[in-house]
């Protein structure tokens, strides 16, 4: 009986620890995604600007 209760407590504690690690991993990944999107925003804007500039030069060249 005592062994069964100990194993149950150990399983519960390991389950809680795994849930905490999952939530921390998910929060870390979401933070990384937001940081990467913030960093990639200027790159996307500059790409759009260069595309517009290229279109303008080609239109003026024609």
PDB file of N, CA and C in Angstrom:
ATOM      1  N   UNK A   1       0.836  -1.212   0.000  1.00  0.00           N
ATOM      2  CA  UNK A   1       0.000   0.000   0.000  1.00  0.00           C
ATOM      3  C   UNK A   1       0.871   1.262   0.000  1.00  0.00           C
ATOM      4  N   UNK A   2       1.905   1.282   0.826  1.00  0.00           N
ATOM      5  CA  UNK A   2       2.769   2.458   0.902  1.00  0.00           C
ATOM      6  C   UNK A   2       3.512   2.628  -0.417  1.00  0.00           C
ATOM      7  N   UNK A   3       3.976   1.529  -1.000  1.00  0.00           N
ATOM      8  CA  UNK A   3       4.695   1.625  -2.272  1.00  0.00           C
ATOM      9  C   UNK A   3       3.779   2.175  -3.369  1.00  0.00           C
ATOM     10  N   UNK A   4       2.535   1.724  -3.379  1.00  0.00           N
ATOM     11  CA  UNK A   4       1.603   2.184  -4.397  1.00  0.00           C
ATOM     12  C   UNK A   4       1.368   3.687  -4.272  1.00  0.00           C
ATOM     13  N   UNK A   5       1.226   4.176  -3.036  1.00  0.00           N
ATOM     14  CA  UNK A   5       1.024   5.615  -2.831  1.00  0.00           C
ATOM     15  C   UNK A   5       2.272   6.396  -3.242  1.00  0.00           C
ATOM     16  N   UNK A   6       3.440   5.847  -2.952  1.00  0.00           N
ATOM     17  CA  UNK A   6       4.679   6.536  -3.333  1.00  0.00           C
ATOM     18  C   UNK A   6       4.802   6.627  -4.848  1.00  0.00           C
ATOM     19  N   UNK A   7       4.524   5.531  -5.532  1.00  0.00           N
ATOM     20  CA  UNK A   7       4.628   5.558  -6.995  1.00  0.00           C
ATOM     21  C   UNK A   7       3.602   6.535  -7.579  1.00  0.00           C
ATOM     22  N   UNK A   8       2.403   6.573  -6.978  1.00  0.00           N
ATOM     23  CA  UNK A   8       1.384   7.499  -7.469  1.00  0.00           C
ATOM     24  C   UNK A   8       1.840   8.943  -7.276  1.00  0.00           C
ATOM     25  N   UNK A   9       2.427   9.256  -6.137  1.00  0.00           N
ATOM     26  CA  UNK A   9       2.924  10.608  -5.884  1.00  0.00           C
ATOM     27  C   UNK A   9       4.062  10.934  -6.845  1.00  0.00           C
ATOM     28  N   UNK A  10       4.933   9.974  -7.099  1.00  0.00           N
ATOM     29  CA  UNK A  10       6.046  10.212  -8.021  1.00  0.00           C
ATOM     30  C   UNK A  10       5.512  10.457  -9.430  1.00  0.00           C
ATOM     31  N   UNK A  11       4.513   9.674  -9.840  1.00  0.00           N
ATOM     32  CA  UNK A  11       3.937   9.866 -11.175  1.00  0.00           C
ATOM     33  C   UNK A  11       3.276  11.232 -11.276  1.00  0.00           C
ATOM     34  N   UNK A  12       2.566  11.654 -10.223  1.00  0.00           N
ATOM     35  CA  UNK A  12       1.910  12.967 -10.248  1.00  0.00           C
ATOM     36  C   UNK A  12       2.938  14.083 -10.328  1.00  0.00           C
ATOM     37  N   UNK A  13       4.018  13.970  -9.562  1.00  0.00           N
ATOM     38  CA  UNK A  13       5.024  15.029  -9.575  1.00  0.00           C
ATOM     39  C   UNK A  13       5.713  15.076 -10.933  1.00  0.00           C
ATOM     40  N   UNK A  14       5.998  13.924 -11.514  1.00  0.00           N
ATOM     41  CA  UNK A  14       6.650  13.929 -12.830  1.00  0.00           C
ATOM     42  C   UNK A  14       5.694  14.489 -13.884  1.00  0.00           C
ATOM     43  N   UNK A  15       4.411  14.196 -13.744  1.00  0.00           N
ATOM     44  CA  UNK A  15       3.422  14.721 -14.692  1.00  0.00           C
ATOM     45  C   UNK A  15       3.355  16.245 -14.589  1.00  0.00           C
ATOM     46  N   UNK A  16       3.364  16.767 -13.359  1.00  0.00           N
ATOM     47  CA  UNK A  16       3.351  18.219 -13.175  1.00  0.00           C
ATOM     48  C   UNK A  16       4.611  18.838 -13.765  1.00  0.00           C
ATOM     49  N   UNK A  17       5.763  18.213 -13.557  1.00  0.00           N
ATOM     50  CA  UNK A  17       7.015  18.751 -14.078  1.00  0.00           C
ATOM     51  C   UNK A  17       6.989  18.764 -15.608  1.00  0.00           C
ATOM     52  N   UNK A  18       6.469  17.702 -16.214  1.00  0.00           N
ATOM     53  CA  UNK A  18       6.420  17.651 -17.675  1.00  0.00           C
ATOM     54  C   UNK A  18       5.459  18.708 -18.211  1.00  0.00           C
ATOM     55  N   UNK A  19       4.357  18.919 -17.521  1.00  0.00           N
ATOM     56  CA  UNK A  19       3.415  19.951 -17.957  1.00  0.00           C
ATOM     57  C   UNK A  19       4.059  21.328 -17.859  1.00  0.00           C
ATOM     58  N   UNK A  20       4.807  21.563 -16.788  1.00  0.00           N
ATOM     59  CA  UNK A  20       5.482  22.860 -16.644  1.00  0.00           C
ATOM     60  C   UNK A  20       6.518  23.047 -17.739  1.00  0.00           C
ATOM     61  N   UNK A  21       7.264  21.998 -18.061  1.00  0.00           N
ATOM     62  CA  UNK A  21       8.267  22.128 -19.123  1.00  0.00           C
ATOM     63  C   UNK A  21       7.581  22.370 -20.461  1.00  0.00           C
ATOM     64  N   UNK A  22       6.456  21.710 -20.709  1.00  0.00           N
ATOM     65  CA  UNK A  22       5.729  21.935 -21.965  1.00  0.00           C
ATOM     66  C   UNK A  22       5.269  23.389 -22.068  1.00  0.00           C
ATOM     67  N   UNK A  23       4.704  23.914 -20.988  1.00  0.00           N
ATOM     68  CA  UNK A  23       4.220  25.297 -21.031  1.00  0.00           C
ATOM     69  C   UNK A  23       5.381  26.264 -21.194  1.00  0.00           C
ATOM     70  N   UNK A  24       6.510  25.989 -20.545  1.00  0.00           N
ATOM     71  CA  UNK A  24       7.659  26.889 -20.683  1.00  0.00           C
ATOM     72  C   UNK A  24       8.202  26.822 -22.106  1.00  0.00           C
ATOM     73  N   UNK A  25       8.229  25.631 -22.701  1.00  0.00           N
ATOM     74  CA  UNK A  25       8.708  25.492 -24.082  1.00  0.00           C
ATOM     75  C   UNK A  25       7.774  26.247 -25.031  1.00  0.00           C
ATOM     76  N   UNK A  26       6.473  26.126 -24.797  1.00  0.00           N
ATOM     77  CA  UNK A  26       5.503  26.806 -25.673  1.00  0.00           C
ATOM     78  C   UNK A  26       5.647  28.314 -25.538  1.00  0.00           C
ATOM     79  N   UNK A  27       5.811  28.808 -24.305  1.00  0.00           N
ATOM     80  CA  UNK A  27       5.956  30.253 -24.119  1.00  0.00           C
ATOM     81  C   UNK A  27       7.259  30.742 -24.734  1.00  0.00           C
ATOM     82  N   UNK A  28       8.336  29.970 -24.592  1.00  0.00           N
ATOM     83  CA  UNK A  28       9.612  30.357 -25.192  1.00  0.00           C
ATOM     84  C   UNK A  28       9.492  30.400 -26.709  1.00  0.00           C
ATOM     85  N   UNK A  29       8.841  29.400 -27.294  1.00  0.00           N
ATOM     86  CA  UNK A  29       8.703  29.380 -28.754  1.00  0.00           C
ATOM     87  C   UNK A  29       7.856  30.551 -29.235  1.00  0.00           C
ATOM     88  N   UNK A  30       6.819  30.907 -28.488  1.00  0.00           N
ATOM     89  CA  UNK A  30       5.991  32.052 -28.888  1.00  0.00           C
ATOM     90  C   UNK A  30       6.789  33.344 -28.797  1.00  0.00           C
ATOM     91  N   UNK A  31       7.626  33.461 -27.764  1.00  0.00           N
ATOM     92  CA  UNK A  31       8.472  34.665 -27.641  1.00  0.00           C
ATOM     93  C   UNK A  31       9.447  34.728 -28.808  1.00  0.00           C
ATOM     94  N   UNK A  32      10.033  33.582 -29.158  1.00  0.00           N
ATOM     95  CA  UNK A  32      10.988  33.556 -30.277  1.00  0.00           C
ATOM     96  C   UNK A  32      10.286  33.920 -31.579  1.00  0.00           C
ATOM     97  N   UNK A  33       9.062  33.428 -31.762  1.00  0.00           N
ATOM     98  CA  UNK A  33       8.318  33.726 -32.989  1.00  0.00           C
ATOM     99  C   UNK A  33       8.017  35.223 -33.073  1.00  0.00           C
ATOM    100  N   UNK A  34       7.611  35.821 -31.953  1.00  0.00           N
ATOM    101  CA  UNK A  34       7.315  37.256 -31.981  1.00  0.00           C
ATOM    102  C   UNK A  34       8.579  38.061 -32.248  1.00  0.00           C
ATOM    103  N   UNK A  35       9.689  37.666 -31.628  1.00  0.00           N
ATOM    104  CA  UNK A  35      10.946  38.392 -31.860  1.00  0.00           C
ATOM    105  C   UNK A  35      11.364  38.259 -33.321  1.00  0.00           C
ATOM    106  N   UNK A  36      11.249  37.055 -33.865  1.00  0.00           N
ATOM    107  CA  UNK A  36      11.655  36.859 -35.259  1.00  0.00           C
ATOM    108  C   UNK A  36      10.741  37.634 -36.205  1.00  0.00           C
ATOM    109  N   UNK A  37       9.461  37.715 -35.902  1.00  0.00           N
ATOM    110  CA  UNK A  37       8.553  38.484 -36.757  1.00  0.00           C
ATOM    111  C   UNK A  37       8.862  39.968 -36.672  1.00  0.00           C
ATOM    112  N   UNK A  38       9.193  40.448 -35.472  1.00  0.00           N
ATOM    113  CA  UNK A  38       9.548  41.865 -35.324  1.00  0.00           C
ATOM    114  C   UNK A  38      10.838  42.149 -36.088  1.00  0.00           C
ATOM    115  N   UNK A  39      11.775  41.220 -36.039  1.00  0.00           N
ATOM    116  CA  UNK A  39      13.048  41.421 -36.745  1.00  0.00           C
ATOM    117  C   UNK A  39      12.836  41.341 -38.256  1.00  0.00           C
ATOM    118  N   UNK A  40      11.944  40.461 -38.697  1.00  0.00           N
ATOM    119  CA  UNK A  40      11.744  40.279 -40.134  1.00  0.00           C
ATOM    120  C   UNK A  40      10.854  41.369 -40.735  1.00  0.00           C
ATOM    121  N   UNK A  41      10.143  42.127 -39.917  1.00  0.00           N
ATOM    122  CA  UNK A  41       9.288  43.192 -40.459  1.00  0.00           C
ATOM    123  C   UNK A  41      10.084  44.236 -41.242  1.00  0.00           C
ATOM    124  N   UNK A  42      11.179  44.783 -40.710  1.00  0.00           N
ATOM    125  CA  UNK A  42      11.955  45.746 -41.511  1.00  0.00           C
ATOM    126  C   UNK A  42      12.485  45.121 -42.801  1.00  0.00           C
ATOM    127  N   UNK A  43      12.888  43.846 -42.732  1.00  0.00           N
ATOM    128  CA  UNK A  43      13.372  43.176 -43.940  1.00  0.00           C
ATOM    129  C   UNK A  43      12.271  43.105 -44.987  1.00  0.00           C
ATOM    130  N   UNK A  44      11.054  42.760 -44.571  1.00  0.00           N
ATOM    131  CA  UNK A  44       9.941  42.691 -45.519  1.00  0.00           C
ATOM    132  C   UNK A  44       9.639  44.070 -46.081  1.00  0.00           C
ATOM    133  N   UNK A  45       9.666  45.085 -45.219  1.00  0.00           N
ATOM    134  CA  UNK A  45       9.381  46.445 -45.694  1.00  0.00           C
ATOM    135  C   UNK A  45      10.452  46.897 -46.678  1.00  0.00           C
ATOM    136  N   UNK A  46      11.716  46.602 -46.371  1.00  0.00           N
ATOM    137  CA  UNK A  46      12.789  47.014 -47.280  1.00  0.00           C
ATOM    138  C   UNK A  46      12.683  46.248 -48.599  1.00  0.00           C
ATOM    139  N   UNK A  47      12.283  44.969 -48.530  1.00  0.00           N
ATOM    140  CA  UNK A  47      12.101  44.204 -49.775  1.00  0.00           C
ATOM    141  C   UNK A  47      10.985  44.821 -50.608  1.00  0.00           C
ATOM    142  N   UNK A  48       9.891  45.198 -49.954  1.00  0.00           N
ATOM    143  CA  UNK A  48       8.791  45.832 -50.692  1.00  0.00           C
ATOM    144  C   UNK A  48       9.255  47.150 -51.289  1.00  0.00           C
ATOM    145  N   UNK A  49      10.052  47.920 -50.535  1.00  0.00           N
ATOM    146  CA  UNK A  49      10.543  49.202 -51.043  1.00  0.00           C
ATOM    147  C   UNK A  49      11.456  48.972 -52.239  1.00  0.00           C
ATOM    148  N   UNK A  50      12.334  47.968 -52.149  1.00  0.00           N
ATOM    149  CA  UNK A  50      13.237  47.706 -53.271  1.00  0.00           C
ATOM    150  C   UNK A  50      12.440  47.237 -54.475  1.00  0.00           C
ATOM    151  N   UNK A  51      11.401  46.451 -54.253  1.00  0.00           N
ATOM    152  CA  UNK A  51      10.576  46.006 -55.382  1.00  0.00           C
ATOM    153  C   UNK A  51       9.908  47.211 -56.029  1.00  0.00           C
ATOM    154  N   UNK A  52       9.398  48.120 -55.206  1.00  0.00           N
ATOM    155  CA  UNK A  52       8.770  49.324 -55.762  1.00  0.00           C
ATOM    156  C   UNK A  52       9.800  50.155 -56.524  1.00  0.00           C
ATOM    157  N   UNK A  53      11.002  50.267 -55.972  1.00  0.00           N
ATOM    158  CA  UNK A  53      12.050  51.043 -56.651  1.00  0.00           C
ATOM    159  C   UNK A  53      12.402  50.377 -57.971  1.00  0.00           C
ATOM    160  N   UNK A  54      12.524  49.049 -57.946  1.00  0.00           N
ATOM    161  CA  UNK A  54      12.856  48.329 -59.179  1.00  0.00           C
ATOM    162  C   UNK A  54      11.743  48.522 -60.200  1.00  0.00           C
ATOM    163  N   UNK A  55      10.498  48.443 -59.754  1.00  0.00           N
ATOM    164  CA  UNK A  55       9.382  48.664 -60.676  1.00  0.00           C
ATOM    165  C   UNK A  55       9.429  50.080 -61.229  1.00  0.00           C
ATOM    166  N   UNK A  56       9.750  51.050 -60.389  1.00  0.00           N
ATOM    167  CA  UNK A  56       9.819  52.431 -60.853  1.00  0.00           C
ATOM    168  C   UNK A  56      10.920  52.602 -61.882  1.00  0.00           C
ATOM    169  N   UNK A  57      12.081  51.996 -61.658  1.00  0.00           N
ATOM    170  CA  UNK A  57      13.186  52.146 -62.602  1.00  0.00           C
ATOM    171  C   UNK A  57      12.843  51.451 -63.915  1.00  0.00           C
ATOM    172  N   UNK A  58      12.198  50.294 -63.837  1.00  0.00           N
ATOM    173  CA  UNK A  58      11.855  49.606 -65.078  1.00  0.00           C
ATOM    174  C   UNK A  58      10.796  50.406 -65.841  1.00  0.00           C
ATOM    175  N   UNK A  59       9.836  50.985 -65.102  1.00  0.00           N
ATOM    176  CA  UNK A  59       8.819  51.795 -65.791  1.00  0.00           C
ATOM    177  C   UNK A  59       9.463  53.025 -66.427  1.00  0.00           C
ATOM    178  N   UNK A  60      10.391  53.653 -65.686  1.00  0.00           N
ATOM    179  CA  UNK A  60      11.034  54.837 -66.243  1.00  0.00           C
ATOM    180  C   UNK A  60      11.966  54.431 -67.393  1.00  0.00           C
ATOM    181  N   UNK A  61      12.569  53.249 -67.289  1.00  0.00           N
ATOM    182  CA  UNK A  61      13.447  52.786 -68.356  1.00  0.00           C
ATOM    183  C   UNK A  61      12.665  52.524 -69.626  1.00  0.00           C
ATOM    184  N   UNK A  62      11.461  51.999 -69.497  1.00  0.00           N
ATOM    185  CA  UNK A  62      10.631  51.760 -70.670  1.00  0.00           C
ATOM    186  C   UNK A  62      10.164  53.104 -71.218  1.00  0.00           C
TER     187      UNK A  62
END
